[in-house]
Amino acid sequence: MSAQPKALVELAAADLRGPGVVCCPNPRMPLWSGHPKIYIDVATTGEGRCPYCGTVYRLKAGEKVGAGH
């Protein structure tokens, strides 16, 4: 039995912050679904999942994380 993500957010490399992370909840999520802000590493494997809400953040196909991340 595989867990399906609650939501999938595809990202460009330019959407990543600092060392290749994104924050969740993201600005497009409604306030009522908020949880503590966390940073999720996407640069290492190209994908990361929020442990609170299950949202998966994934780099778009063909996107590469540059040396700045």
N, C-alpha and C. Protein backbone atom coordinates (compact mmCIF):
# COMPACT_ATOMS: atom_id res chain seq x y z
N MET A 1 0.85 -1.18 0.00
CA MET A 1 0.00 0.00 0.00
C MET A 1 0.88 1.24 0.00
N SER A 2 0.83 2.06 -1.05
CA SER A 2 1.64 3.27 -1.12
C SER A 2 0.80 4.47 -0.75
N ALA A 3 1.41 5.37 -0.01
CA ALA A 3 0.70 6.58 0.41
C ALA A 3 0.74 7.60 -0.72
N GLN A 4 -0.41 8.02 -1.17
CA GLN A 4 -0.48 9.04 -2.20
C GLN A 4 -0.32 10.41 -1.55
N PRO A 5 0.42 11.34 -2.18
CA PRO A 5 0.58 12.66 -1.59
C PRO A 5 -0.74 13.41 -1.55
N LYS A 6 -0.92 14.22 -0.53
CA LYS A 6 -2.11 15.06 -0.41
C LYS A 6 -2.12 16.07 -1.55
N ALA A 7 -0.95 16.62 -1.83
CA ALA A 7 -0.80 17.59 -2.92
C ALA A 7 0.60 17.44 -3.49
N LEU A 8 0.75 17.81 -4.74
CA LEU A 8 2.05 17.77 -5.40
C LEU A 8 2.35 19.16 -5.92
N VAL A 9 3.50 19.70 -5.52
CA VAL A 9 3.92 21.02 -5.97
C VAL A 9 5.20 20.83 -6.78
N GLU A 10 5.13 21.14 -8.08
CA GLU A 10 6.31 21.06 -8.93
C GLU A 10 7.03 22.40 -8.92
N LEU A 11 8.34 22.34 -8.77
CA LEU A 11 9.14 23.54 -8.59
C LEU A 11 10.21 23.68 -9.66
N ALA A 12 10.53 24.92 -9.99
CA ALA A 12 11.71 25.23 -10.79
C ALA A 12 12.87 25.37 -9.82
N ALA A 13 14.07 25.18 -10.28
CA ALA A 13 15.24 25.32 -9.40
C ALA A 13 15.29 26.72 -8.79
N ALA A 14 14.82 27.72 -9.52
CA ALA A 14 14.81 29.09 -9.02
C ALA A 14 13.85 29.29 -7.85
N ASP A 15 12.91 28.38 -7.65
CA ASP A 15 11.96 28.47 -6.54
C ASP A 15 12.56 28.05 -5.21
N LEU A 16 13.70 27.37 -5.26
CA LEU A 16 14.33 26.88 -4.03
C LEU A 16 15.01 28.02 -3.30
N ARG A 17 15.06 27.91 -1.99
CA ARG A 17 15.72 28.92 -1.16
C ARG A 17 17.04 28.38 -0.65
N GLY A 18 17.94 29.30 -0.33
CA GLY A 18 19.19 28.96 0.33
C GLY A 18 19.83 27.69 -0.19
N PRO A 19 19.99 26.68 0.70
CA PRO A 19 20.70 25.46 0.29
C PRO A 19 19.82 24.44 -0.43
N GLY A 20 18.81 24.90 -1.16
CA GLY A 20 17.97 23.97 -1.93
C GLY A 20 16.76 23.48 -1.17
N VAL A 21 16.13 24.37 -0.41
CA VAL A 21 14.97 23.99 0.38
C VAL A 21 13.75 24.81 -0.01
N VAL A 22 12.58 24.32 0.37
CA VAL A 22 11.33 25.06 0.26
C VAL A 22 10.70 25.05 1.65
N CYS A 23 9.80 26.01 1.89
CA CYS A 23 9.12 26.00 3.18
C CYS A 23 7.67 25.54 3.00
N CYS A 24 7.18 24.87 3.99
CA CYS A 24 5.81 24.41 4.02
C CYS A 24 5.24 24.81 5.38
N PRO A 25 4.05 25.36 5.44
CA PRO A 25 3.13 25.55 4.34
C PRO A 25 3.62 26.63 3.39
N ASN A 26 3.27 26.48 2.11
CA ASN A 26 3.70 27.45 1.12
C ASN A 26 2.67 28.58 1.05
N PRO A 27 3.03 29.72 0.47
CA PRO A 27 2.13 30.89 0.46
C PRO A 27 0.79 30.66 -0.24
N ARG A 28 0.68 29.65 -1.09
CA ARG A 28 -0.58 29.40 -1.80
C ARG A 28 -1.56 28.54 -0.99
N MET A 29 -1.13 28.04 0.15
CA MET A 29 -2.01 27.20 0.97
C MET A 29 -2.94 28.08 1.80
N PRO A 30 -4.19 27.65 2.00
CA PRO A 30 -5.12 28.45 2.82
C PRO A 30 -4.67 28.48 4.28
N LEU A 31 -4.97 29.59 4.96
CA LEU A 31 -4.56 29.74 6.35
C LEU A 31 -5.10 28.64 7.26
N TRP A 32 -6.31 28.17 7.00
CA TRP A 32 -6.91 27.17 7.88
C TRP A 32 -6.16 25.85 7.87
N SER A 33 -5.37 25.61 6.83
CA SER A 33 -4.64 24.34 6.76
C SER A 33 -3.21 24.48 7.26
N GLY A 34 -2.92 25.57 7.95
CA GLY A 34 -1.56 25.84 8.38
C GLY A 34 -1.05 24.88 9.44
N HIS A 35 0.25 24.74 9.48
CA HIS A 35 0.96 23.97 10.50
C HIS A 35 2.27 24.70 10.74
N PRO A 36 3.07 24.29 11.71
CA PRO A 36 4.34 24.99 11.93
C PRO A 36 5.17 25.03 10.64
N LYS A 37 5.83 26.17 10.41
CA LYS A 37 6.65 26.32 9.22
C LYS A 37 7.90 25.45 9.32
N ILE A 38 8.13 24.65 8.29
CA ILE A 38 9.32 23.82 8.24
C ILE A 38 9.98 23.98 6.88
N TYR A 39 11.25 23.63 6.82
CA TYR A 39 12.01 23.69 5.58
C TYR A 39 12.30 22.28 5.12
N ILE A 40 12.02 22.02 3.84
CA ILE A 40 12.14 20.68 3.27
C ILE A 40 13.23 20.68 2.21
N ASP A 41 14.19 19.78 2.35
CA ASP A 41 15.28 19.64 1.39
C ASP A 41 14.75 19.01 0.10
N VAL A 42 14.90 19.73 -1.00
CA VAL A 42 14.49 19.21 -2.31
C VAL A 42 15.72 18.98 -3.19
N ALA A 43 16.79 19.68 -2.90
CA ALA A 43 17.98 19.63 -3.76
C ALA A 43 18.68 18.27 -3.74
N THR A 44 18.67 17.57 -2.62
CA THR A 44 19.43 16.33 -2.49
C THR A 44 18.90 15.23 -3.40
N THR A 45 17.59 15.00 -3.37
CA THR A 45 17.02 13.90 -4.16
C THR A 45 16.06 14.36 -5.25
N GLY A 46 15.77 15.68 -5.29
CA GLY A 46 14.83 16.19 -6.28
C GLY A 46 13.39 16.18 -5.80
N GLU A 47 13.19 15.72 -4.55
CA GLU A 47 11.84 15.61 -4.01
C GLU A 47 11.89 15.59 -2.49
N GLY A 48 10.86 16.15 -1.87
CA GLY A 48 10.73 16.09 -0.42
C GLY A 48 9.27 16.12 -0.03
N ARG A 49 8.95 15.52 1.11
CA ARG A 49 7.56 15.44 1.59
C ARG A 49 7.44 16.10 2.95
N CYS A 50 6.38 16.87 3.12
CA CYS A 50 6.11 17.50 4.41
C CYS A 50 5.57 16.45 5.38
N PRO A 51 6.19 16.34 6.56
CA PRO A 51 5.72 15.34 7.52
C PRO A 51 4.40 15.73 8.18
N TYR A 52 4.01 17.00 8.11
CA TYR A 52 2.76 17.45 8.71
C TYR A 52 1.56 17.20 7.81
N CYS A 53 1.64 17.71 6.58
CA CYS A 53 0.45 17.67 5.72
C CYS A 53 0.57 16.69 4.55
N GLY A 54 1.75 16.14 4.31
CA GLY A 54 1.92 15.16 3.25
C GLY A 54 2.16 15.75 1.86
N THR A 55 2.22 17.07 1.75
CA THR A 55 2.47 17.69 0.45
C THR A 55 3.85 17.28 -0.04
N VAL A 56 3.93 16.90 -1.31
CA VAL A 56 5.21 16.53 -1.92
C VAL A 56 5.68 17.71 -2.78
N TYR A 57 6.93 18.08 -2.58
CA TYR A 57 7.57 19.13 -3.37
C TYR A 57 8.59 18.45 -4.25
N ARG A 58 8.48 18.68 -5.57
CA ARG A 58 9.32 17.97 -6.53
C ARG A 58 9.84 18.95 -7.58
N LEU A 59 11.11 18.77 -7.97
CA LEU A 59 11.65 19.58 -9.06
C LEU A 59 10.98 19.17 -10.37
N LYS A 60 10.68 20.15 -11.21
CA LYS A 60 10.11 19.86 -12.52
C LYS A 60 11.10 19.06 -13.34
N ALA A 61 10.59 18.27 -14.26
CA ALA A 61 11.44 17.45 -15.14
C ALA A 61 12.47 18.33 -15.84
N GLY A 62 13.71 17.90 -15.81
CA GLY A 62 14.78 18.62 -16.49
C GLY A 62 15.42 19.72 -15.66
N GLU A 63 14.86 20.07 -14.50
CA GLU A 63 15.43 21.12 -13.67
C GLU A 63 16.67 20.61 -12.97
N LYS A 64 17.68 21.43 -12.90
CA LYS A 64 18.92 21.10 -12.22
C LYS A 64 19.18 22.16 -11.16
N VAL A 65 19.65 21.71 -10.01
CA VAL A 65 20.01 22.64 -8.94
C VAL A 65 21.45 23.04 -9.15
N GLY A 66 21.68 24.35 -9.30
CA GLY A 66 23.01 24.85 -9.58
C GLY A 66 23.90 24.91 -8.36
N ALA A 67 25.10 25.39 -8.56
CA ALA A 67 26.09 25.48 -7.48
C ALA A 67 25.66 26.44 -6.38
N GLY A 68 24.75 27.35 -6.69
CA GLY A 68 24.27 28.29 -5.68
C GLY A 68 23.33 27.67 -4.67
N HIS A 69 22.98 26.39 -4.84
CA HIS A 69 22.06 25.73 -3.91
C HIS A 69 22.76 24.63 -3.19
